[in-house]
Amino acid sequence: MAKAVVAEPKKKETTVEFLASLAVVLVTGLFIITFIVQAFEIPSSSMENTLLIGDHVFVDRVTIAPPSHWMPMEHYRAIQHGDIIVFLSPQTPGLYVVKRVIGVPGDHIHLRDGFVYRNGERLSEPYVIHSRGDIDPYRDNFPDVPTSEATNPLSPGWPVMIGVMKQGDDLVVPPDSYFGMGDNRDVSYDSRYWGFIPRENIIGRPLFVYWSFETPADQWTKTDIGDRVKFVLGDVVLHFFDKTRWKRMFHLVH
């Protein structure tokens, strides 16, 4: 007659073991958030209709991130034309910006009547919109029109840099720098006004929208803690379901 095997009772996890497991999870999550992906909210309309105000995206920090001396990692590829990138503003310290790469080092760039010409060829840009439809000589014919005619403020030193890097009708992108523009060309405050994007400022590229919420256009300017709490409690909490753009969930960014 076969003997019945009595299973030993499962040992209860001790407090130390629980804390050790929790620490591993937290460290792993912190590593991923710090070095692999980062959450980012789209604050302005400069990238419409590719990215909308209130889109929350995950940013890939590995594929096009600049090499690190203290943590060598294999980077998959160089930054390419058309890449959408998140970077630290070369004009405003601590401000994250998202634009599309129009020019890489060595490219000759100019605009004519709102159309971009790169290395002598007019670009086909199906993602571009012109939400205002007005005429702005400096904005639409960069860099041929003098900087004195710019309707938006220019970064200090940018007019001088234009004079140095201009060749004929074109602006030449210098080494380790990029020329970025928003898809909503009429309202985008971009490289036409504050200059080239340094390679070391680039954080990564947005992968997909994980949540999208209808957000006022001026919300990003309200940095006071009271305004933020008011928005979260009075808008996000009360209108989570009816103001969430459900169709944009997991929308790929390209």
C-alpha atoms as a PDB file:
ATOM      1  CA  MET A   1       0.000   0.000   0.000  1.00  0.00           C
ATOM      2  CA  ALA A   2       1.491   3.338  -1.061  1.00  0.00           C
ATOM      3  CA  LYS A   3       2.187   5.830   1.649  1.00  0.00           C
ATOM      4  CA  ALA A   4       0.553   9.212   1.394  1.00  0.00           C
ATOM      5  CA  VAL A   5       3.056  12.040   1.036  1.00  0.00           C
ATOM      6  CA  VAL A   6       2.306  14.902   3.339  1.00  0.00           C
ATOM      7  CA  ALA A   7       3.412  18.260   1.891  1.00  0.00           C
ATOM      8  CA  GLU A   8       5.381  20.418   4.236  1.00  0.00           C
ATOM      9  CA  PRO A   9       3.674  23.686   5.089  1.00  0.00           C
ATOM     10  CA  LYS A  10       5.029  26.619   3.078  1.00  0.00           C
ATOM     11  CA  LYS A  11       7.331  28.797   5.099  1.00  0.00           C
ATOM     12  CA  LYS A  12       5.933  32.217   5.769  1.00  0.00           C
ATOM     13  CA  GLU A  13       7.971  35.042   4.292  1.00  0.00           C
ATOM     14  CA  THR A  14       9.774  36.988   6.963  1.00  0.00           C
ATOM     15  CA  THR A  15       9.694  40.761   7.227  1.00  0.00           C
ATOM     16  CA  VAL A  16      13.328  40.950   6.126  1.00  0.00           C
ATOM     17  CA  GLU A  17      12.652  38.811   3.057  1.00  0.00           C
ATOM     18  CA  PHE A  18       9.599  40.918   2.169  1.00  0.00           C
ATOM     19  CA  LEU A  19      11.580  44.142   2.460  1.00  0.00           C
ATOM     20  CA  ALA A  20      14.410  42.664   0.374  1.00  0.00           C
ATOM     21  CA  SER A  21      11.955  41.666  -2.386  1.00  0.00           C
ATOM     22  CA  LEU A  22      10.322  45.089  -2.283  1.00  0.00           C
ATOM     23  CA  ALA A  23      13.736  46.761  -2.518  1.00  0.00           C
ATOM     24  CA  VAL A  24      14.590  44.732  -5.633  1.00  0.00           C
ATOM     25  CA  VAL A  25      11.317  45.781  -7.283  1.00  0.00           C
ATOM     26  CA  LEU A  26      11.852  49.439  -6.386  1.00  0.00           C
ATOM     27  CA  VAL A  27      15.472  49.467  -7.569  1.00  0.00           C
ATOM     28  CA  THR A  28      14.504  47.767 -10.832  1.00  0.00           C
ATOM     29  CA  GLY A  29      11.686  50.245 -11.394  1.00  0.00           C
ATOM     30  CA  LEU A  30      13.949  53.178 -10.563  1.00  0.00           C
ATOM     31  CA  PHE A  31      16.573  51.891 -12.999  1.00  0.00           C
ATOM     32  CA  ILE A  32      14.018  51.561 -15.792  1.00  0.00           C
ATOM     33  CA  ILE A  33      12.563  55.037 -15.163  1.00  0.00           C
ATOM     34  CA  THR A  34      16.023  56.614 -14.896  1.00  0.00           C
ATOM     35  CA  PHE A  35      17.862  54.933 -17.743  1.00  0.00           C
ATOM     36  CA  ILE A  36      15.393  53.120 -20.014  1.00  0.00           C
ATOM     37  CA  VAL A  37      12.103  55.045 -20.262  1.00  0.00           C
ATOM     38  CA  GLN A  38      10.801  58.312 -18.889  1.00  0.00           C
ATOM     39  CA  ALA A  39       7.278  59.672 -18.654  1.00  0.00           C
ATOM     40  CA  PHE A  40       6.741  63.023 -20.359  1.00  0.00           C
ATOM     41  CA  GLU A  41       3.691  65.261 -20.827  1.00  0.00           C
ATOM     42  CA  ILE A  42       3.170  67.318 -23.979  1.00  0.00           C
ATOM     43  CA  PRO A  43       2.639  70.921 -22.795  1.00  0.00           C
ATOM     44  CA  SER A  44       2.038  72.884 -26.006  1.00  0.00           C
ATOM     45  CA  SER A  45       0.432  72.696 -29.439  1.00  0.00           C
ATOM     46  CA  SER A  46       3.705  72.970 -31.387  1.00  0.00           C
ATOM     47  CA  MET A  47       3.652  69.279 -32.399  1.00  0.00           C
ATOM     48  CA  GLU A  48      -0.021  69.009 -33.386  1.00  0.00           C
ATOM     49  CA  ASN A  49      -1.500  66.902 -34.804  1.00  0.00           C
ATOM     50  CA  THR A  50       1.246  64.363 -34.147  1.00  0.00           C
ATOM     51  CA  LEU A  51       1.214  65.082 -30.416  1.00  0.00           C
ATOM     52  CA  LEU A  52      -1.570  66.932 -28.607  1.00  0.00           C
ATOM     53  CA  ILE A  53      -1.552  69.035 -25.458  1.00  0.00           C
ATOM     54  CA  GLY A  54      -2.175  66.616 -22.609  1.00  0.00           C
ATOM     55  CA  ASP A  55      -0.651  63.568 -24.317  1.00  0.00           C
ATOM     56  CA  HIS A  56       1.430  61.587 -21.840  1.00  0.00           C
ATOM     57  CA  VAL A  57       4.174  59.593 -23.535  1.00  0.00           C
ATOM     58  CA  PHE A  58       6.912  57.161 -22.604  1.00  0.00           C
ATOM     59  CA  VAL A  59      10.313  58.298 -23.859  1.00  0.00           C
ATOM     60  CA  ASP A  60      12.942  55.771 -24.960  1.00  0.00           C
ATOM     61  CA  ARG A  61      16.183  56.913 -23.301  1.00  0.00           C
ATOM     62  CA  VAL A  62      18.444  54.258 -24.844  1.00  0.00           C
ATOM     63  CA  THR A  63      18.156  54.087 -28.626  1.00  0.00           C
ATOM     64  CA  ILE A  64      19.417  57.576 -29.494  1.00  0.00           C
ATOM     65  CA  ALA A  65      20.741  58.711 -26.105  1.00  0.00           C
ATOM     66  CA  PRO A  66      24.241  60.249 -26.093  1.00  0.00           C
ATOM     67  CA  PRO A  67      27.007  57.899 -24.862  1.00  0.00           C
ATOM     68  CA  SER A  68      27.760  57.906 -21.145  1.00  0.00           C
ATOM     69  CA  HIS A  69      31.334  57.755 -19.842  1.00  0.00           C
ATOM     70  CA  TRP A  70      30.315  56.170 -16.521  1.00  0.00           C
ATOM     71  CA  MET A  71      27.817  53.677 -17.909  1.00  0.00           C
ATOM     72  CA  PRO A  72      28.780  52.401 -21.367  1.00  0.00           C
ATOM     73  CA  MET A  73      25.777  51.084 -23.295  1.00  0.00           C
ATOM     74  CA  GLU A  74      25.402  50.021 -26.877  1.00  0.00           C
ATOM     75  CA  HIS A  75      23.331  52.570 -28.748  1.00  0.00           C
ATOM     76  CA  TYR A  76      21.284  51.205 -31.575  1.00  0.00           C
ATOM     77  CA  ARG A  77      21.524  54.021 -34.109  1.00  0.00           C
ATOM     78  CA  ALA A  78      22.307  57.651 -34.776  1.00  0.00           C
ATOM     79  CA  ILE A  79      19.651  60.352 -34.785  1.00  0.00           C
ATOM     80  CA  GLN A  80      17.941  60.495 -38.171  1.00  0.00           C
ATOM     81  CA  HIS A  81      15.897  62.938 -40.208  1.00  0.00           C
ATOM     82  CA  GLY A  82      12.292  62.905 -39.045  1.00  0.00           C
ATOM     83  CA  ASP A  83      12.992  61.570 -35.559  1.00  0.00           C
ATOM     84  CA  ILE A  84      10.849  63.150 -32.849  1.00  0.00           C
ATOM     85  CA  ILE A  85      13.075  63.891 -29.880  1.00  0.00           C
ATOM     86  CA  VAL A  86      12.738  65.110 -26.302  1.00  0.00           C
ATOM     87  CA  PHE A  87      15.567  67.339 -25.117  1.00  0.00           C
ATOM     88  CA  LEU A  88      16.544  69.975 -22.608  1.00  0.00           C
ATOM     89  CA  SER A  89      15.986  73.434 -24.007  1.00  0.00           C
ATOM     90  CA  PRO A  90      19.217  75.179 -25.004  1.00  0.00           C
ATOM     91  CA  GLN A  91      17.467  78.442 -24.108  1.00  0.00           C
ATOM     92  CA  THR A  92      15.600  77.738 -20.849  1.00  0.00           C
ATOM     93  CA  PRO A  93      17.433  75.614 -18.228  1.00  0.00           C
ATOM     94  CA  GLY A  94      15.387  72.703 -16.901  1.00  0.00           C
ATOM     95  CA  LEU A  95      12.693  72.940 -19.599  1.00  0.00           C
ATOM     96  CA  TYR A  96      11.956  69.765 -21.587  1.00  0.00           C
ATOM     97  CA  VAL A  97      11.044  70.318 -25.236  1.00  0.00           C
ATOM     98  CA  VAL A  98       9.821  68.003 -28.007  1.00  0.00           C
ATOM     99  CA  LYS A  99      10.458  68.674 -31.705  1.00  0.00           C
ATOM    100  CA  ARG A 100      11.088  66.824 -34.959  1.00  0.00           C
ATOM    101  CA  VAL A 101      14.627  66.593 -36.337  1.00  0.00           C
ATOM    102  CA  ILE A 102      14.805  68.454 -39.639  1.00  0.00           C
ATOM    103  CA  GLY A 103      18.559  68.852 -39.969  1.00  0.00           C
ATOM    104  CA  VAL A 104      21.507  66.731 -38.820  1.00  0.00           C
ATOM    105  CA  PRO A 105      25.180  67.806 -38.792  1.00  0.00           C
ATOM    106  CA  GLY A 106      26.287  69.042 -42.207  1.00  0.00           C
ATOM    107  CA  ASP A 107      22.799  69.624 -43.609  1.00  0.00           C
ATOM    108  CA  HIS A 108      22.009  72.849 -45.479  1.00  0.00           C
ATOM    109  CA  ILE A 109      18.589  74.143 -44.391  1.00  0.00           C
ATOM    110  CA  HIS A 110      16.326  76.973 -45.501  1.00  0.00           C
ATOM    111  CA  LEU A 111      12.597  77.718 -45.711  1.00  0.00           C
ATOM    112  CA  ARG A 112      10.850  79.309 -48.641  1.00  0.00           C
ATOM    113  CA  ASP A 113       7.203  80.335 -48.324  1.00  0.00           C
ATOM    114  CA  GLY A 114       6.838  77.951 -45.390  1.00  0.00           C
ATOM    115  CA  PHE A 115       8.325  74.930 -47.161  1.00  0.00           C
ATOM    116  CA  VAL A 116      11.548  73.359 -45.898  1.00  0.00           C
ATOM    117  CA  TYR A 117      14.441  72.755 -48.282  1.00  0.00           C
ATOM    118  CA  ARG A 118      17.226  70.453 -47.156  1.00  0.00           C
ATOM    119  CA  ASN A 119      20.394  70.163 -49.206  1.00  0.00           C
ATOM    120  CA  GLY A 120      18.616  71.788 -52.137  1.00  0.00           C
ATOM    121  CA  GLU A 121      15.535  69.530 -52.131  1.00  0.00           C
ATOM    122  CA  ARG A 122      12.074  70.484 -50.928  1.00  0.00           C
ATOM    123  CA  LEU A 123      10.868  68.105 -48.226  1.00  0.00           C
ATOM    124  CA  SER A 124       7.609  66.200 -48.392  1.00  0.00           C
ATOM    125  CA  GLU A 125       6.190  66.536 -44.882  1.00  0.00           C
ATOM    126  CA  PRO A 126       2.693  65.024 -44.604  1.00  0.00           C
ATOM    127  CA  TYR A 127       2.772  65.493 -40.818  1.00  0.00           C
ATOM    128  CA  VAL A 128       2.982  69.313 -41.049  1.00  0.00           C
ATOM    129  CA  ILE A 129      -0.027  71.558 -40.408  1.00  0.00           C
ATOM    130  CA  HIS A 130      -0.407  75.349 -40.691  1.00  0.00           C
ATOM    131  CA  SER A 131      -2.965  76.183 -38.028  1.00  0.00           C
ATOM    132  CA  ARG A 132      -2.836  79.943 -38.493  1.00  0.00           C
ATOM    133  CA  GLY A 133      -2.447  80.195 -42.238  1.00  0.00           C
ATOM    134  CA  ASP A 134      -0.998  83.689 -41.959  1.00  0.00           C
ATOM    135  CA  ILE A 135       2.207  85.114 -43.446  1.00  0.00           C
ATOM    136  CA  ASP A 136       5.299  85.716 -41.315  1.00  0.00           C
ATOM    137  CA  PRO A 137       8.372  86.618 -43.407  1.00  0.00           C
ATOM    138  CA  TYR A 138      11.015  85.533 -40.874  1.00  0.00           C
ATOM    139  CA  ARG A 139       9.189  82.351 -39.846  1.00  0.00           C
ATOM    140  CA  ASP A 140       8.387  81.257 -43.394  1.00  0.00           C
ATOM    141  CA  ASN A 141      11.590  82.327 -45.168  1.00  0.00           C
ATOM    142  CA  PHE A 142      14.279  81.445 -42.658  1.00  0.00           C
ATOM    143  CA  PRO A 143      17.178  82.385 -42.655  1.00  0.00           C
ATOM    144  CA  ASP A 144      16.905  84.733 -45.637  1.00  0.00           C
ATOM    145  CA  VAL A 145      14.836  87.374 -43.799  1.00  0.00           C
ATOM    146  CA  PRO A 146      16.792  89.496 -41.261  1.00  0.00           C
ATOM    147  CA  THR A 147      16.439  88.522 -37.603  1.00  0.00           C
ATOM    148  CA  SER A 148      15.195  92.042 -36.864  1.00  0.00           C
ATOM    149  CA  GLU A 149      11.894  91.049 -38.497  1.00  0.00           C
ATOM    150  CA  ALA A 150      11.286  88.063 -36.191  1.00  0.00           C
ATOM    151  CA  THR A 151       7.962  88.334 -34.350  1.00  0.00           C
ATOM    152  CA  ASN A 152       9.070  85.949 -31.578  1.00  0.00           C
ATOM    153  CA  PRO A 153      11.973  86.663 -29.223  1.00  0.00           C
ATOM    154  CA  LEU A 154      15.327  85.239 -30.290  1.00  0.00           C
ATOM    155  CA  SER A 155      17.925  83.674 -28.023  1.00  0.00           C
ATOM    156  CA  PRO A 156      20.892  85.946 -27.262  1.00  0.00           C
ATOM    157  CA  GLY A 157      23.670  85.233 -29.722  1.00  0.00           C
ATOM    158  CA  TRP A 158      21.417  83.446 -32.228  1.00  0.00           C
ATOM    159  CA  PRO A 159      21.503  86.281 -34.814  1.00  0.00           C
ATOM    160  CA  VAL A 160      25.320  86.179 -34.661  1.00  0.00           C
ATOM    161  CA  MET A 161      25.324  82.380 -35.023  1.00  0.00           C
ATOM    162  CA  ILE A 162      23.089  82.654 -38.079  1.00  0.00           C
ATOM    163  CA  GLY A 163      25.591  85.051 -39.636  1.00  0.00           C
ATOM    164  CA  VAL A 164      28.444  82.638 -38.927  1.00  0.00           C
ATOM    165  CA  MET A 165      26.718  79.448 -40.123  1.00  0.00           C
ATOM    166  CA  LYS A 166      24.879  80.873 -43.119  1.00  0.00           C
ATOM    167  CA  GLN A 167      26.102  79.886 -46.584  1.00  0.00           C
ATOM    168  CA  GLY A 168      24.172  81.552 -49.390  1.00  0.00           C
ATOM    169  CA  ASP A 169      20.472  80.938 -48.730  1.00  0.00           C
ATOM    170  CA  ASP A 170      21.138  78.091 -46.322  1.00  0.00           C
ATOM    171  CA  LEU A 171      21.962  77.609 -42.683  1.00  0.00           C
ATOM    172  CA  VAL A 172      24.517  74.825 -42.175  1.00  0.00           C
ATOM    173  CA  VAL A 173      24.018  72.556 -39.158  1.00  0.00           C
ATOM    174  CA  PRO A 174      27.301  72.320 -37.196  1.00  0.00           C
ATOM    175  CA  PRO A 175      28.828  69.120 -35.737  1.00  0.00           C
ATOM    176  CA  ASP A 176      27.113  67.518 -32.724  1.00  0.00           C
ATOM    177  CA  SER A 177      24.038  69.707 -33.287  1.00  0.00           C
ATOM    178  CA  TYR A 178      20.561  69.349 -34.768  1.00  0.00           C
ATOM    179  CA  PHE A 179      17.924  71.630 -36.262  1.00  0.00           C
ATOM    180  CA  GLY A 180      14.467  70.931 -34.856  1.00  0.00           C
ATOM    181  CA  MET A 181      11.009  72.175 -35.747  1.00  0.00           C
ATOM    182  CA  GLY A 182       7.459  71.533 -34.589  1.00  0.00           C
ATOM    183  CA  ASP A 183       4.895  69.926 -36.876  1.00  0.00           C
ATOM    184  CA  ASN A 184       2.495  72.824 -36.245  1.00  0.00           C
ATOM    185  CA  ARG A 185       4.769  75.201 -38.149  1.00  0.00           C
ATOM    186  CA  ASP A 186       2.833  78.445 -37.699  1.00  0.00           C
ATOM    187  CA  VAL A 187       2.996  78.361 -33.886  1.00  0.00           C
ATOM    188  CA  SER A 188       6.101  76.313 -33.174  1.00  0.00           C
ATOM    189  CA  TYR A 189       8.823  78.078 -31.202  1.00  0.00           C
ATOM    190  CA  ASP A 190      11.818  76.116 -32.426  1.00  0.00           C
ATOM    191  CA  SER A 191      15.335  76.222 -33.890  1.00  0.00           C
ATOM    192  CA  ARG A 192      14.383  79.175 -36.054  1.00  0.00           C
ATOM    193  CA  TYR A 193      14.270  81.263 -32.876  1.00  0.00           C
ATOM    194  CA  TRP A 194      16.572  79.691 -30.287  1.00  0.00           C
ATOM    195  CA  GLY A 195      19.138  77.848 -32.354  1.00  0.00           C
ATOM    196  CA  PHE A 196      20.604  74.389 -32.720  1.00  0.00           C
ATOM    197  CA  ILE A 197      19.960  71.481 -30.368  1.00  0.00           C
ATOM    198  CA  PRO A 198      23.224  70.281 -28.759  1.00  0.00           C
ATOM    199  CA  ARG A 199      23.724  66.512 -28.896  1.00  0.00           C
ATOM    200  CA  GLU A 200      24.252  66.302 -25.147  1.00  0.00           C
ATOM    201  CA  ASN A 201      20.840  67.898 -24.482  1.00  0.00           C
ATOM    202  CA  ILE A 202      18.901  65.087 -26.135  1.00  0.00           C
ATOM    203  CA  ILE A 203      17.052  62.773 -23.726  1.00  0.00           C
ATOM    204  CA  GLY A 204      15.421  60.333 -26.128  1.00  0.00           C
ATOM    205  CA  ARG A 205      12.449  59.788 -28.407  1.00  0.00           C
ATOM    206  CA  PRO A 206       8.763  59.321 -27.555  1.00  0.00           C
ATOM    207  CA  LEU A 207       7.529  55.771 -28.110  1.00  0.00           C
ATOM    208  CA  PHE A 208       3.776  55.853 -27.541  1.00  0.00           C
ATOM    209  CA  VAL A 209       0.983  57.720 -25.772  1.00  0.00           C
ATOM    210  CA  TYR A 210       0.038  55.877 -22.579  1.00  0.00           C
ATOM    211  CA  TRP A 211      -2.624  58.410 -21.555  1.00  0.00           C
ATOM    212  CA  SER A 212      -4.134  61.519 -23.124  1.00  0.00           C
ATOM    213  CA  PHE A 213      -6.250  64.084 -21.286  1.00  0.00           C
ATOM    214  CA  GLU A 214      -7.900  67.245 -22.621  1.00  0.00           C
ATOM    215  CA  THR A 215      -5.748  69.982 -21.079  1.00  0.00           C
ATOM    216  CA  PRO A 216      -5.967  73.788 -21.374  1.00  0.00           C
ATOM    217  CA  ALA A 217      -3.314  75.326 -23.595  1.00  0.00           C
ATOM    218  CA  ASP A 218      -1.979  77.519 -20.795  1.00  0.00           C
ATOM    219  CA  GLN A 219      -1.849  74.818 -18.132  1.00  0.00           C
ATOM    220  CA  TRP A 220       1.914  74.331 -18.478  1.00  0.00           C
ATOM    221  CA  THR A 221       2.497  77.950 -17.438  1.00  0.00           C
ATOM    222  CA  LYS A 222       0.724  77.400 -14.095  1.00  0.00           C
ATOM    223  CA  THR A 223       3.605  76.162 -11.973  1.00  0.00           C
ATOM    224  CA  ASP A 224       2.199  77.184  -8.580  1.00  0.00           C
ATOM    225  CA  ILE A 225       1.400  74.174  -6.402  1.00  0.00           C
ATOM    226  CA  GLY A 226      -2.080  75.538  -5.731  1.00  0.00           C
ATOM    227  CA  ASP A 227      -2.877  75.715  -9.451  1.00  0.00           C
ATOM    228  CA  ARG A 228      -1.624  72.177  -9.973  1.00  0.00           C
ATOM    229  CA  VAL A 229      -3.678  70.751  -7.130  1.00  0.00           C
ATOM    230  CA  LYS A 230      -6.737  72.639  -8.399  1.00  0.00           C
ATOM    231  CA  PHE A 231      -6.284  71.161 -11.877  1.00  0.00           C
ATOM    232  CA  VAL A 232      -5.826  67.614 -10.589  1.00  0.00           C
ATOM    233  CA  LEU A 233      -8.736  67.694  -8.155  1.00  0.00           C
ATOM    234  CA  GLY A 234     -11.087  69.945 -10.104  1.00  0.00           C
ATOM    235  CA  ASP A 235     -10.451  68.592 -13.583  1.00  0.00           C
ATOM    236  CA  VAL A 236      -8.561  65.313 -13.769  1.00  0.00           C
ATOM    237  CA  VAL A 237     -10.395  63.591 -10.910  1.00  0.00           C
ATOM    238  CA  LEU A 238     -13.863  64.877 -11.827  1.00  0.00           C
ATOM    239  CA  HIS A 239     -13.514  64.465 -15.592  1.00  0.00           C
ATOM    240  CA  PHE A 240     -11.139  61.519 -15.920  1.00  0.00           C
ATOM    241  CA  PHE A 241     -13.540  59.451 -17.995  1.00  0.00           C
ATOM    242  CA  ASP A 242     -15.150  62.116 -20.182  1.00  0.00           C
ATOM    243  CA  LYS A 243     -11.961  64.122 -20.898  1.00  0.00           C
ATOM    244  CA  THR A 244      -9.594  61.220 -21.431  1.00  0.00           C
ATOM    245  CA  ARG A 245      -8.911  60.745 -25.149  1.00  0.00           C
ATOM    246  CA  TRP A 246      -9.395  56.994 -25.135  1.00  0.00           C
ATOM    247  CA  LYS A 247      -8.697  56.592 -28.857  1.00  0.00           C
ATOM    248  CA  ARG A 248      -5.148  57.906 -28.341  1.00  0.00           C
ATOM    249  CA  MET A 249      -4.265  55.278 -25.749  1.00  0.00           C
ATOM    250  CA  PHE A 250      -1.157  53.356 -26.900  1.00  0.00           C
ATOM    251  CA  HIS A 251      -0.951  55.529 -30.002  1.00  0.00           C
ATOM    252  CA  LEU A 252       2.537  55.125 -31.524  1.00  0.00           C
ATOM    253  CA  VAL A 253       4.515  58.339 -32.022  1.00  0.00           C
ATOM    254  CA  HIS A 254       6.128  58.773 -35.425  1.00  0.00           C
END
